[in-house]
Amino acid sequence: MQATAKATYVRIAPRKVKIVLDLIRNKPADKAMAILKHTPKAACEPLEKLLNSAMANAENNKNMDIENLYVAECHVSQGPTLKRIRPRAQGRAFRINKKTSHITLVLKEKE
């Protein structure tokens, strides 16, 4: 049995999220939450919310025991890119790409 949570269109680049996801993969849920709380990365804030959501889904929708949960799968894929223009010298324009992420977190119960 597994509980899933997804966050889409998160305004942070996928490569920045991937660094933090690698820290919490295959860890117990409570330990993963502690790692997210004490890691000074911008991606930790949306991931903490997502982990809380997945834990709530497991408890309320799937009747799973929170003590036995661990992060079974977590992955990120790139969402649509917001394209912006920055004015530069001599009338030129400089493209700024603001990337978005789709993050998926799957929790499972230890046997």
C-alpha atoms as a PDB file:
ATOM      1  CA  MET A   1       0.000   0.000   0.000  1.00  0.00           C
ATOM      2  CA  GLN A   2       1.276   3.460  -0.844  1.00  0.00           C
ATOM      3  CA  ALA A   3       0.303   7.101  -0.406  1.00  0.00           C
ATOM      4  CA  THR A   4       1.145   9.700  -3.028  1.00  0.00           C
ATOM      5  CA  ALA A   5       1.357  13.496  -3.105  1.00  0.00           C
ATOM      6  CA  LYS A   6       2.111  15.688  -6.121  1.00  0.00           C
ATOM      7  CA  ALA A   7       3.080  19.337  -6.393  1.00  0.00           C
ATOM      8  CA  THR A   8       2.866  20.829  -9.873  1.00  0.00           C
ATOM      9  CA  TYR A   9       4.151  24.107 -11.297  1.00  0.00           C
ATOM     10  CA  VAL A  10       6.465  24.741  -8.317  1.00  0.00           C
ATOM     11  CA  ARG A  11       8.543  27.839  -9.152  1.00  0.00           C
ATOM     12  CA  ILE A  12      11.982  26.321  -8.624  1.00  0.00           C
ATOM     13  CA  ALA A  13      14.333  24.650 -11.104  1.00  0.00           C
ATOM     14  CA  PRO A  14      14.202  20.812 -11.152  1.00  0.00           C
ATOM     15  CA  ARG A  15      17.971  20.422 -10.757  1.00  0.00           C
ATOM     16  CA  LYS A  16      17.796  22.301  -7.434  1.00  0.00           C
ATOM     17  CA  VAL A  17      14.956  20.086  -6.201  1.00  0.00           C
ATOM     18  CA  LYS A  18      16.766  16.894  -7.268  1.00  0.00           C
ATOM     19  CA  ILE A  19      19.677  17.632  -4.895  1.00  0.00           C
ATOM     20  CA  VAL A  20      17.330  17.662  -1.891  1.00  0.00           C
ATOM     21  CA  LEU A  21      15.277  14.670  -3.086  1.00  0.00           C
ATOM     22  CA  ASP A  22      18.454  12.584  -3.176  1.00  0.00           C
ATOM     23  CA  LEU A  23      18.918  13.353   0.549  1.00  0.00           C
ATOM     24  CA  ILE A  24      15.511  11.987   1.615  1.00  0.00           C
ATOM     25  CA  ARG A  25      15.056   9.031  -0.762  1.00  0.00           C
ATOM     26  CA  ASN A  26      14.512   5.684   1.113  1.00  0.00           C
ATOM     27  CA  LYS A  27      14.548   7.423   4.521  1.00  0.00           C
ATOM     28  CA  PRO A  28      11.845   7.049   7.216  1.00  0.00           C
ATOM     29  CA  ALA A  29       9.246   9.831   6.964  1.00  0.00           C
ATOM     30  CA  ASP A  30      10.082  11.422  10.329  1.00  0.00           C
ATOM     31  CA  LYS A  31      13.818  11.419   9.555  1.00  0.00           C
ATOM     32  CA  ALA A  32      13.124  12.877   6.078  1.00  0.00           C
ATOM     33  CA  MET A  33      11.115  15.666   7.716  1.00  0.00           C
ATOM     34  CA  ALA A  34      14.031  16.439  10.065  1.00  0.00           C
ATOM     35  CA  ILE A  35      16.445  16.538   7.107  1.00  0.00           C
ATOM     36  CA  LEU A  36      14.167  18.965   5.247  1.00  0.00           C
ATOM     37  CA  LYS A  37      13.799  21.212   8.307  1.00  0.00           C
ATOM     38  CA  HIS A  38      17.564  21.532   8.803  1.00  0.00           C
ATOM     39  CA  THR A  39      18.826  21.735   5.213  1.00  0.00           C
ATOM     40  CA  PRO A  40      19.440  25.323   4.029  1.00  0.00           C
ATOM     41  CA  LYS A  41      18.097  24.924   0.470  1.00  0.00           C
ATOM     42  CA  ALA A  42      15.227  26.789  -1.193  1.00  0.00           C
ATOM     43  CA  ALA A  43      13.679  23.502  -2.359  1.00  0.00           C
ATOM     44  CA  CYS A  44      13.148  22.325   1.229  1.00  0.00           C
ATOM     45  CA  GLU A  45      10.105  24.510   1.872  1.00  0.00           C
ATOM     46  CA  PRO A  46       7.831  23.102  -0.867  1.00  0.00           C
ATOM     47  CA  LEU A  47       9.171  19.570  -0.229  1.00  0.00           C
ATOM     48  CA  GLU A  48       8.333  19.847   3.473  1.00  0.00           C
ATOM     49  CA  LYS A  49       4.754  20.813   2.586  1.00  0.00           C
ATOM     50  CA  LEU A  50       4.586  17.935   0.116  1.00  0.00           C
ATOM     51  CA  LEU A  51       5.853  15.399   2.672  1.00  0.00           C
ATOM     52  CA  ASN A  52       3.287  16.643   5.213  1.00  0.00           C
ATOM     53  CA  SER A  53       0.582  16.236   2.577  1.00  0.00           C
ATOM     54  CA  ALA A  54       1.710  12.705   1.692  1.00  0.00           C
ATOM     55  CA  MET A  55       1.763  11.739   5.386  1.00  0.00           C
ATOM     56  CA  ALA A  56      -1.751  13.144   5.866  1.00  0.00           C
ATOM     57  CA  ASN A  57      -2.938  11.236   2.772  1.00  0.00           C
ATOM     58  CA  ALA A  58      -1.449   8.025   4.184  1.00  0.00           C
ATOM     59  CA  GLU A  59      -3.100   8.502   7.573  1.00  0.00           C
ATOM     60  CA  ASN A  60      -6.531   9.761   6.517  1.00  0.00           C
ATOM     61  CA  ASN A  61      -7.175   8.149   3.127  1.00  0.00           C
ATOM     62  CA  LYS A  62      -5.225   4.872   3.314  1.00  0.00           C
ATOM     63  CA  ASN A  63      -5.360   4.172   7.105  1.00  0.00           C
ATOM     64  CA  MET A  64      -1.589   3.611   7.256  1.00  0.00           C
ATOM     65  CA  ASP A  65       0.532   3.876  10.399  1.00  0.00           C
ATOM     66  CA  ILE A  66       2.628   7.076  10.339  1.00  0.00           C
ATOM     67  CA  GLU A  67       5.411   5.501  12.429  1.00  0.00           C
ATOM     68  CA  ASN A  68       6.182   2.908   9.726  1.00  0.00           C
ATOM     69  CA  LEU A  69       6.214   5.193   6.675  1.00  0.00           C
ATOM     70  CA  TYR A  70       9.266   5.756   4.496  1.00  0.00           C
ATOM     71  CA  VAL A  71       9.936   7.688   1.296  1.00  0.00           C
ATOM     72  CA  ALA A  72       9.754   4.907  -1.297  1.00  0.00           C
ATOM     73  CA  GLU A  73       9.893   7.025  -4.449  1.00  0.00           C
ATOM     74  CA  CYS A  74      10.490  10.684  -5.128  1.00  0.00           C
ATOM     75  CA  HIS A  75      11.143  12.287  -8.464  1.00  0.00           C
ATOM     76  CA  VAL A  76      10.962  15.627 -10.178  1.00  0.00           C
ATOM     77  CA  SER A  77      10.295  16.536 -13.788  1.00  0.00           C
ATOM     78  CA  GLN A  78      10.425  19.865 -15.546  1.00  0.00           C
ATOM     79  CA  GLY A  79       7.240  21.862 -15.968  1.00  0.00           C
ATOM     80  CA  PRO A  80       6.652  24.717 -18.392  1.00  0.00           C
ATOM     81  CA  THR A  81       9.278  27.463 -18.507  1.00  0.00           C
ATOM     82  CA  LEU A  82       8.245  31.082 -17.965  1.00  0.00           C
ATOM     83  CA  LYS A  83      10.134  33.214 -20.481  1.00  0.00           C
ATOM     84  CA  ARG A  84      11.026  36.742 -19.425  1.00  0.00           C
ATOM     85  CA  ILE A  85      13.030  39.539 -21.059  1.00  0.00           C
ATOM     86  CA  ARG A  86      15.770  41.642 -19.426  1.00  0.00           C
ATOM     87  CA  PRO A  87      16.762  44.862 -21.201  1.00  0.00           C
ATOM     88  CA  ARG A  88      20.479  45.075 -22.082  1.00  0.00           C
ATOM     89  CA  ALA A  89      22.810  47.638 -23.573  1.00  0.00           C
ATOM     90  CA  GLN A  90      22.161  49.220 -26.999  1.00  0.00           C
ATOM     91  CA  GLY A  91      18.511  48.156 -27.197  1.00  0.00           C
ATOM     92  CA  ARG A  92      19.167  44.454 -26.999  1.00  0.00           C
ATOM     93  CA  ALA A  93      17.040  42.010 -25.009  1.00  0.00           C
ATOM     94  CA  PHE A  94      18.341  39.194 -22.814  1.00  0.00           C
ATOM     95  CA  ARG A  95      16.170  36.101 -22.271  1.00  0.00           C
ATOM     96  CA  ILE A  96      15.582  34.869 -18.713  1.00  0.00           C
ATOM     97  CA  ASN A  97      14.065  31.390 -18.342  1.00  0.00           C
ATOM     98  CA  LYS A  98      12.190  30.842 -15.076  1.00  0.00           C
ATOM     99  CA  LYS A  99      11.850  27.078 -14.753  1.00  0.00           C
ATOM    100  CA  THR A 100       9.072  25.203 -12.948  1.00  0.00           C
ATOM    101  CA  SER A 101       8.947  21.696 -11.483  1.00  0.00           C
ATOM    102  CA  HIS A 102       6.454  18.871 -11.044  1.00  0.00           C
ATOM    103  CA  ILE A 103       7.382  16.929  -7.881  1.00  0.00           C
ATOM    104  CA  THR A 104       6.020  13.482  -6.913  1.00  0.00           C
ATOM    105  CA  LEU A 105       6.474  11.838  -3.517  1.00  0.00           C
ATOM    106  CA  VAL A 106       5.402   8.248  -2.717  1.00  0.00           C
ATOM    107  CA  LEU A 107       5.315   6.900   0.836  1.00  0.00           C
ATOM    108  CA  LYS A 108       5.080   3.198   1.670  1.00  0.00           C
ATOM    109  CA  GLU A 109       4.723   1.253   4.897  1.00  0.00           C
ATOM    110  CA  LYS A 110       7.520  -0.971   6.188  1.00  0.00           C
ATOM    111  CA  GLU A 111       6.504  -4.590   6.643  1.00  0.00           C
END
